[in-house]
Amino acid sequence: MTKKEQEIVEQFIEQKGMEYQAEGLPRIAGRLMGLLLIEEGPFAFGELAERLQVSRGSISTNTRLLENLGVIERVSKPGKRGDFFQQSSEPYLSLLAGINLRLNRALANAKQARDGLSKSRKKVQSRLARLETFYQGFIENNKRLIQSLES
């Protein structure tokens, strides 16, 4: 890899960290995802810690988080001890499925609140109805995106 390519790789990894942090996730999780996206894996646990220059504890915490989100997976290598990590085969489908699950819960919560409040509270009823429309539209758009990614 040329020096310029190495700089591009490092910048990509750092930017992923910033993106994840902006979304309320740990920066290390984003850096880890960035590394797994732009480099060939799978990577051993220790390789990840060394490459990202973070503690093994931080790698442990963040690989668990990314596994739970379905964007990375733990694999083994024949003849090798320990766990290895790589990007999941369909990480974006997993992310969208998780988003839709949370959106459906939020939609149900909004509906429950609207149904439980007096119909005389017209402004509140209207705001909650708009919130439900927002969630429904978001869910439907995600479903279409999932279908297009599956094709």
Protein backbone atom coordinates (compact mmCIF):
# COMPACT_ATOMS: atom_id res chain seq x y z
CA MET A 1 0.00 0.00 0.00
CA THR A 2 1.35 3.42 -0.89
CA LYS A 3 1.80 6.15 1.71
CA LYS A 4 -1.11 8.06 0.15
CA GLU A 5 -3.36 4.99 0.34
CA GLN A 6 -2.35 4.44 3.96
CA GLU A 7 -3.30 8.04 4.75
CA ILE A 8 -6.67 7.53 3.06
CA VAL A 9 -7.26 4.36 5.10
CA GLU A 10 -6.34 6.06 8.39
CA GLN A 11 -8.51 9.08 7.58
CA PHE A 12 -11.47 6.83 6.71
CA ILE A 13 -11.11 4.95 10.01
CA GLU A 14 -10.97 8.18 12.01
CA GLN A 15 -13.94 9.67 10.13
CA LYS A 16 -16.02 6.56 10.87
CA GLY A 17 -15.21 7.09 14.53
CA MET A 18 -16.42 10.68 14.34
CA GLU A 19 -19.59 9.63 12.50
CA TYR A 20 -20.47 7.03 15.13
CA GLN A 21 -19.73 9.47 17.93
CA ALA A 22 -22.03 12.05 16.32
CA GLU A 23 -24.78 9.40 16.42
CA GLY A 24 -24.27 8.81 20.14
CA LEU A 25 -22.20 5.65 19.79
CA PRO A 26 -18.64 5.17 21.03
CA ARG A 27 -15.97 6.59 18.77
CA ILE A 28 -14.00 3.34 19.11
CA ALA A 29 -16.98 1.40 17.72
CA GLY A 30 -16.91 3.62 14.65
CA ARG A 31 -13.17 3.28 14.24
CA LEU A 32 -13.49 -0.48 14.58
CA MET A 33 -16.22 -0.56 11.95
CA GLY A 34 -14.14 1.68 9.70
CA LEU A 35 -11.18 -0.69 9.96
CA LEU A 36 -13.32 -3.73 9.17
CA LEU A 37 -14.85 -1.93 6.19
CA ILE A 38 -11.65 -0.73 4.56
CA GLU A 39 -9.19 -3.53 5.37
CA GLU A 40 -9.33 -7.22 4.58
CA GLY A 41 -10.13 -9.33 7.62
CA PRO A 42 -10.86 -11.16 9.68
CA PHE A 43 -8.78 -9.66 12.47
CA ALA A 44 -7.72 -11.24 15.74
CA PHE A 45 -8.72 -9.49 18.94
CA GLY A 46 -5.15 -8.40 19.66
CA GLU A 47 -4.65 -7.16 16.09
CA LEU A 48 -7.63 -4.85 16.49
CA ALA A 49 -6.32 -3.42 19.76
CA GLU A 50 -2.86 -2.89 18.31
CA ARG A 51 -4.04 -1.43 15.01
CA LEU A 52 -6.43 1.03 16.65
CA GLN A 53 -4.05 1.68 19.55
CA VAL A 54 -6.72 1.07 22.19
CA SER A 55 -7.02 -1.28 25.14
CA ARG A 56 -8.21 -4.86 24.83
CA GLY A 57 -11.07 -3.93 27.17
CA SER A 58 -12.21 -1.25 24.75
CA ILE A 59 -12.06 -3.74 21.88
CA SER A 60 -14.06 -6.23 23.94
CA THR A 61 -16.78 -3.70 24.79
CA ASN A 62 -17.08 -2.37 21.26
CA THR A 63 -16.96 -5.70 19.43
CA ARG A 64 -19.82 -6.84 21.67
CA LEU A 65 -21.78 -3.69 20.81
CA LEU A 66 -21.21 -4.12 17.06
CA GLU A 67 -22.03 -7.84 17.25
CA ASN A 68 -25.32 -6.98 19.00
CA LEU A 69 -26.10 -4.51 16.21
CA GLY A 70 -25.43 -7.30 13.71
CA VAL A 71 -22.76 -5.39 11.77
CA ILE A 72 -19.78 -7.55 12.68
CA GLU A 73 -19.41 -11.22 13.39
CA ARG A 74 -17.06 -13.41 15.38
CA VAL A 75 -15.44 -16.14 13.32
CA SER A 76 -12.74 -18.76 13.71
CA LYS A 77 -9.81 -19.64 11.50
CA PRO A 78 -8.81 -23.25 11.01
CA GLY A 79 -5.73 -24.05 13.06
CA LYS A 80 -5.83 -20.71 14.90
CA ARG A 81 -6.79 -20.08 18.50
CA GLY A 82 -8.93 -17.19 19.64
CA ASP A 83 -11.68 -15.12 18.15
CA PHE A 84 -11.49 -13.21 14.90
CA PHE A 85 -13.82 -10.43 13.77
CA GLN A 86 -15.04 -9.34 10.38
CA GLN A 87 -17.81 -7.28 8.91
CA SER A 88 -21.09 -9.22 8.69
CA SER A 89 -22.16 -10.30 5.24
CA GLU A 90 -25.21 -7.98 5.34
CA PRO A 91 -24.50 -5.35 8.00
CA TYR A 92 -26.83 -2.74 6.54
CA LEU A 93 -29.81 -5.08 6.58
CA SER A 94 -29.12 -5.77 10.26
CA LEU A 95 -28.92 -2.06 11.02
CA LEU A 96 -32.16 -1.33 9.20
CA ALA A 97 -33.96 -4.22 10.90
CA GLY A 98 -32.84 -2.88 14.29
CA ILE A 99 -33.95 0.64 13.38
CA ASN A 100 -37.35 -0.62 12.29
CA LEU A 101 -37.76 -2.59 15.50
CA ARG A 102 -37.11 0.56 17.56
CA LEU A 103 -39.33 2.66 15.30
CA ASN A 104 -42.20 0.19 15.66
CA ARG A 105 -41.89 0.42 19.45
CA ALA A 106 -41.89 4.22 19.25
CA LEU A 107 -44.92 4.12 16.94
CA ALA A 108 -46.79 1.86 19.37
CA ASN A 109 -45.91 4.20 22.25
CA ALA A 110 -47.22 7.24 20.34
CA LYS A 111 -50.44 5.42 19.41
CA GLN A 112 -50.96 4.26 22.99
CA ALA A 113 -50.52 7.80 24.30
CA ARG A 114 -52.85 9.29 21.68
CA ASP A 115 -55.50 6.63 22.30
CA GLY A 116 -55.30 7.15 26.06
CA LEU A 117 -55.68 10.92 25.99
CA SER A 118 -58.94 12.79 25.81
CA LYS A 119 -60.11 13.68 22.31
CA SER A 120 -60.67 17.22 23.60
CA ARG A 121 -56.87 17.71 23.65
CA LYS A 122 -56.88 18.49 19.94
CA LYS A 123 -53.40 20.05 19.72
CA VAL A 124 -51.78 17.12 21.52
CA GLN A 125 -53.80 14.63 19.47
CA SER A 126 -52.62 16.37 16.29
CA ARG A 127 -48.95 16.36 17.35
CA LEU A 128 -49.10 12.69 18.27
CA ALA A 129 -50.86 11.83 14.99
CA ARG A 130 -48.07 13.64 13.07
CA LEU A 131 -45.49 11.71 15.08
CA GLU A 132 -47.22 8.45 14.13
CA THR A 133 -47.21 9.52 10.46
CA PHE A 134 -43.50 10.29 10.73
CA TYR A 135 -42.73 6.87 12.22
CA GLN A 136 -44.91 5.06 9.68
CA GLY A 137 -43.21 6.85 6.78
CA PHE A 138 -39.76 6.13 8.18
CA ILE A 139 -40.62 2.45 8.62
CA GLU A 140 -42.04 2.15 5.10
CA ASN A 141 -39.00 3.85 3.57
CA ASN A 142 -36.70 1.52 5.48
CA LYS A 143 -38.70 -1.48 4.25
CA ARG A 144 -38.23 -0.33 0.65
CA LEU A 145 -34.51 0.19 1.26
CA ILE A 146 -34.25 -3.30 2.77
CA GLN A 147 -35.99 -4.76 -0.29
CA SER A 148 -33.60 -2.95 -2.64
CA LEU A 149 -30.55 -4.14 -0.66
CA GLU A 150 -31.84 -7.72 -0.71
CA SER A 151 -32.10 -7.72 -4.52
